[in-house]
Amino acid sequence: MRAEDMMNLKVMDVANGTTTGAIVGMLIDGDRRQVVALEVKGGLLSRAVYLPLEDIKSIENDVLTISSPAALLEQGDFDTFRLISNISGRQVFTEKGKLLGTVHEFDVDTKNGAITFITVALDTSIMGGLWQSAGERFDIPRNLIATMGDSIVVTAEFHTKYSV
């Protein structure tokens, strides 16, 4: 599922039949290239709380269901040493340091949180470099992503599959 399609989904507690908020963000483990929790805010909540992916009961239409509000945790409940909040807009580089572009969007396996691929928009110069535009887009599968942090780095194998 596209990460952007998960944003603003209502979170419904099926035990009480109440809406507890909406998805506003994600916690991503960059080392494992995996979403570990969804950030929930609004509704009855005055501050953000986090829903571990394993506690999602279902995702249908515009609603994500959970068994009970007990599934919602504080950010401090997660090991946040290497967690990042979003990868959209981050620059993507080869291992040799060549800038490929920026992450336009990404896809998440809602069963296990794995980021299955990222869509990169190539940065193209227009008018002699006075203006940058998001040009052609292409997908990079999970197995070609070496690291996710402040920037995304693709593996050396990337060059054998793409001629970018």
Foldseek 3Di string as FASTA:
>chain_A
DWPVLQFQQFEAAPVVRDTPFGFHWFKAQFQQQFTQWTWGDDDVHPDIWTAGLQQFPDDDDRHTYGNHPVRTHHPVVDPRPRIDTDQFQAWEAEPVGHTQAGFHIWDADSNTGHTFKTKGFGWDADPVNPDTDRHDIDIDGPVQWNTDHSHTYGYPCVVVVDVD
